[in-house]
Structure formats: C-alpha cells, structure tokens
Amino acid sequence: MDLRRALIAAACLAAAIAAAQPPRALQQRVKAAYLTKFPAFVDWPAAAFATPGSPIVIGVAGNDEIARELDAAIAGREVAERPLRVQRLSPGEPDNGCCHVLFVGGGADPAARLQLAGTQGRAVLTVTDTPGTHPPGSVINFQVVEDRMRFDISREAAEKNGLQLRAQLLAVARQVSAP
C-alpha cells in the first residue's frame, strides 16, 4: 500500500513538473532529443568521417538553449560506435566541414539560408525549425502540430547531400517529399 502511494505521489510530482515547464523550454528539449536520435537512422558516405571511431558532430547554429540541452543529452552516448559531440556555431557561420548534423534555427532568415546553402552537396544532415514551409536545403524541418513536435523530410535534400535515410525515420515523419 505504501509503494502504491509513493508511485501515485511520484506521478503527481512528474505531472506538476511537466506542467511547470514553459512551452518553449519543452520544445527545445524535444528538439534536442530528436537531434540525438536522428543519426541512428542516417547512413553517411564513408568519406564523411576521418577515422572509423571519429565522432558524429551535431552543430547548432545560434541556439544556445538547444546546445545546452544537447550537451546534457549526449553525455556518454554513441551511435554506431561513434561518440556524439556538440559544436556551437554563430548564425551564418560556416561549419567548415566539421558537422555531420547541423541544426539551423530560423531557416527563413538570410544568415540561416546562407548556412544551409553552404552544406548543399556535402554529407550533412541539415535540420531546421521553420514554421509552415520547408526551407530549401533542409533535410528535416521541425513543425509544431496540435501542440506536438513533428518533423517533415525532404528526400531530395537528403539525396543531394549523399545521405541515405532509413525507412524507420521516414515512417515516423509527418510528411516526406519525394525526390
């Protein structure tokens, strides 16, 4: 009986904490969680990595909230025997070939468009969070639909960057545009 009360109290406390989370903070946490999961469903060309054990670098352009969430989320995590690492970039700053995943917030502004254009044709999984439209050059674009974080995929952008997206990732996307 005491265990049951403890579980009920824990559930109530968890609900209270979740309700206390500001919507933006929760959205950033969910985006960071997705960014740590996406690499497991992407096949990069062998040349994308310097050595067999080199890390998968997740670049974050101009969004310190997501970068902080990612730092906490990736601690000690690996994907395909590769450690995950976070690289912070300023808005519009080129990634200089270091990133395998690049999150660019505000994909519609000029600096973000320039950053996305700089990755075209390179083995980079580009991820944006532009409401409404899928920015050119973005492989994955986050959307909030009915208060839930979802994402759309551009297979054309993935193919242009030499990336193979696994069927499991395509199956959970809200929309997948054909090449």
Foldseek 3Di string as FASTA:
>chain_A
DVVVVVVVVVVVVVVVVVVPDDLVLVVLLVVLVVVVVQVLFKDFPPVLDPDPAEAAEEEEEDDVSNLVSNVVVQVVDDHNNYGYHYHYHYQLGEPVSPHQEYEYEPCVDPSNVNNLVNQFQANHQYEYADEDDDHPSHQKYWYQDPNDIAIEGEVVSNVRNVMDGHPVVVVRHPYYDDD
